[in-house]
Protein backbone atom coordinates (compact mmCIF):
# COMPACT_ATOMS: atom_id res chain seq x y z
CA MET A 1 0.00 0.00 0.00
CA GLY A 2 1.74 3.20 -1.19
CA GLY A 3 0.65 6.80 -1.13
CA GLU A 4 1.64 9.65 1.09
CA ILE A 5 0.96 11.01 4.53
CA LEU A 6 -0.32 14.59 4.67
CA THR A 7 0.02 16.87 7.68
CA ILE A 8 -0.28 20.57 8.38
CA LYS A 9 2.66 21.94 10.31
CA LEU A 10 2.41 25.16 12.31
CA THR A 11 5.74 26.69 13.33
CA GLY A 12 5.77 29.64 15.71
CA ILE A 13 7.79 32.51 14.23
CA SER A 14 6.97 35.25 16.76
CA GLY A 15 5.28 35.65 20.10
CA PHE A 16 4.96 33.03 22.85
CA ALA A 17 4.86 30.18 20.31
CA LYS A 18 8.17 31.16 18.68
CA GLY A 19 10.22 28.05 17.97
CA LYS A 20 7.41 25.61 18.76
CA ASP A 21 5.99 23.18 16.20
CA PHE A 22 2.51 21.73 16.08
CA VAL A 23 1.14 19.15 13.62
CA ILE A 24 -2.44 18.50 12.49
CA GLU A 25 -3.11 15.19 10.75
CA VAL A 26 -5.66 14.60 7.99
CA GLY A 27 -9.11 14.27 9.52
CA GLY A 28 -8.04 16.25 12.57
CA GLU A 29 -8.75 19.68 13.89
CA ALA A 30 -7.05 22.05 16.29
CA THR A 31 -8.15 24.99 18.38
CA ILE A 32 -5.55 27.65 19.19
CA GLY A 33 -5.93 30.04 22.10
CA ARG A 34 -5.15 30.77 25.76
CA SER A 35 -7.57 28.24 27.27
CA ARG A 36 -6.31 25.04 28.85
CA ASP A 37 -8.62 22.98 26.62
CA CYS A 38 -7.06 24.26 23.36
CA SER A 39 -4.99 21.89 21.25
CA LEU A 40 -2.28 24.55 20.96
CA ARG A 41 -2.17 26.78 24.01
CA ILE A 42 -0.63 30.24 23.69
CA GLY A 43 1.26 31.49 26.72
CA GLU A 44 1.78 28.00 28.10
CA SER A 45 4.91 27.81 30.24
CA ASP A 46 6.33 26.15 33.33
CA GLU A 47 4.78 28.84 35.52
CA PRO A 48 1.08 28.64 36.44
CA ALA A 49 -1.22 29.93 33.71
CA PRO A 50 -3.27 33.07 34.45
CA ASP A 51 -6.89 32.51 35.36
CA PRO A 52 -8.83 33.02 32.08
CA GLN A 53 -11.82 34.34 34.07
CA LYS A 54 -9.85 37.31 35.42
CA PRO A 55 -8.65 40.20 33.23
CA PHE A 56 -4.93 40.96 33.08
CA LYS A 57 -3.64 43.59 35.47
CA GLY A 58 -1.20 46.33 34.52
CA SER A 59 -0.35 47.54 31.07
CA GLY A 60 2.26 46.95 28.42
CA GLY A 61 4.53 44.04 27.69
CA LYS A 62 3.57 40.41 27.67
CA ASP A 63 0.18 40.80 29.34
CA ASP A 64 -1.13 43.17 26.67
CA HIS A 65 0.25 40.96 23.92
CA LEU A 66 -1.25 37.82 25.46
CA HIS A 67 -4.57 39.62 25.96
CA THR A 68 -4.95 40.00 22.17
CA VAL A 69 -5.12 36.19 21.87
CA SER A 70 -8.59 34.97 22.81
CA ARG A 71 -9.23 31.95 25.01
CA HIS A 72 -10.50 30.12 21.89
CA HIS A 73 -8.98 32.24 19.12
CA VAL A 74 -9.04 30.13 15.95
CA LYS A 75 -10.10 26.66 14.83
CA ILE A 76 -8.42 24.78 11.96
CA GLU A 77 -10.07 21.74 10.36
CA PHE A 78 -7.93 19.54 8.09
CA LYS A 79 -10.32 17.31 6.15
CA GLY A 80 -7.99 16.84 3.15
CA PRO A 81 -5.48 18.71 0.96
CA LYS A 82 -8.29 20.60 -0.80
CA ALA A 83 -10.49 20.87 2.28
CA ILE A 84 -8.73 22.96 4.93
CA PHE A 85 -11.02 25.27 6.88
CA ILE A 86 -10.21 28.01 9.36
CA GLN A 87 -12.61 29.81 11.68
CA ASP A 88 -11.87 33.04 13.54
CA MET A 89 -13.51 33.01 16.99
CA SER A 90 -11.76 36.09 18.42
CA LYS A 91 -12.26 39.80 19.04
CA HIS A 92 -8.76 40.85 18.02
CA GLY A 93 -8.64 39.09 14.67
CA THR A 94 -6.98 36.29 12.79
CA PHE A 95 -4.90 37.21 9.74
CA ILE A 96 -3.79 35.07 6.80
CA ASN A 97 -0.89 36.63 4.89
CA GLY A 98 -1.88 40.01 6.38
CA GLN A 99 -5.58 39.79 5.38
CA ARG A 100 -8.12 39.68 8.19
CA LEU A 101 -10.26 36.55 8.27
CA ASP A 102 -13.99 37.08 8.67
CA GLY A 103 -15.78 34.10 10.24
CA ARG A 104 -15.13 30.68 8.67
CA ASP A 105 -13.25 30.31 5.39
CA GLN A 106 -11.42 27.75 3.29
CA ILE A 107 -7.64 27.96 2.96
CA ILE A 108 -6.64 27.91 -0.70
CA GLY A 109 -3.07 27.58 -1.98
CA LEU A 110 -1.46 25.86 0.98
CA ARG A 111 -0.46 23.00 -1.35
CA LYS A 112 1.62 25.45 -3.39
CA ALA A 113 3.29 27.54 -0.69
CA PRO A 114 3.28 28.12 3.08
CA ILE A 115 1.16 30.92 4.52
CA GLU A 116 1.54 33.23 7.49
CA LEU A 117 -1.10 32.93 10.21
CA ARG A 118 -1.22 35.75 12.78
CA LEU A 119 -3.37 35.84 15.90
CA GLY A 120 -3.98 39.21 17.52
CA THR A 121 -1.03 41.59 17.54
CA ASN A 122 2.06 39.40 17.36
CA GLU A 123 1.43 35.65 17.68
CA THR A 124 2.56 34.47 14.24
CA PHE A 125 2.90 31.02 12.68
CA ARG A 126 4.22 29.62 9.42
CA MET A 127 1.58 27.18 8.19
CA GLU A 128 2.57 24.58 5.61
CA LEU A 129 1.25 21.37 4.10
CA LEU A 130 3.77 18.55 4.37
CA ARG A 131 3.72 15.48 2.14
CA GLU A 132 5.72 12.45 3.18
CA PRO A 133 5.77 9.07 1.47
CA ALA A 134 3.88 6.44 3.40
CA LYS A 135 6.15 3.82 4.89
CA LEU A 136 5.70 0.57 3.05
CA GLN A 137 5.04 -2.50 5.14
CA PRO A 138 7.14 -5.48 4.09
CA LYS A 139 5.17 -8.29 2.53
CA ILE A 140 5.50 -11.43 4.58
CA THR A 141 4.86 -14.79 2.98
CA VAL A 142 4.56 -17.93 5.03
CA LYS A 143 5.20 -21.28 3.34
CA ARG A 144 4.16 -24.44 5.08
CA ARG A 145 6.05 -27.63 4.68
CA GLU A 146 4.09 -30.68 3.86
CA ALA A 147 4.82 -33.61 6.13
């Protein structure tokens, strides 16, 4: 059985997710945001996460940046190479290659080139479709000896 394995890879290029990779497999979906129940949690660290029910205190710096990422900011559904859907669920916006997303839309062109996905003010990802050859399973033949 040949073929290929398709995945969507998100690589953080700025913000709290910088340097982190996240993969979505065909048939899967991911929610990105600050909430603990998100598939990809922004602001996650070794220190305790802020209570999402309480607003941030103070002004400037990391708190203001983190505040522009909603608890459930964006949802990505990967149904197939021609069926990739993205839904903005935030107040501060989701941007694809600099263009603001309005509601739910289909991602076109990811098969040809990576895109830039930005959440809020600075949380930015490189989003790309990866194709890898499926690993072939060796064919095993059992021969029985006749007695």
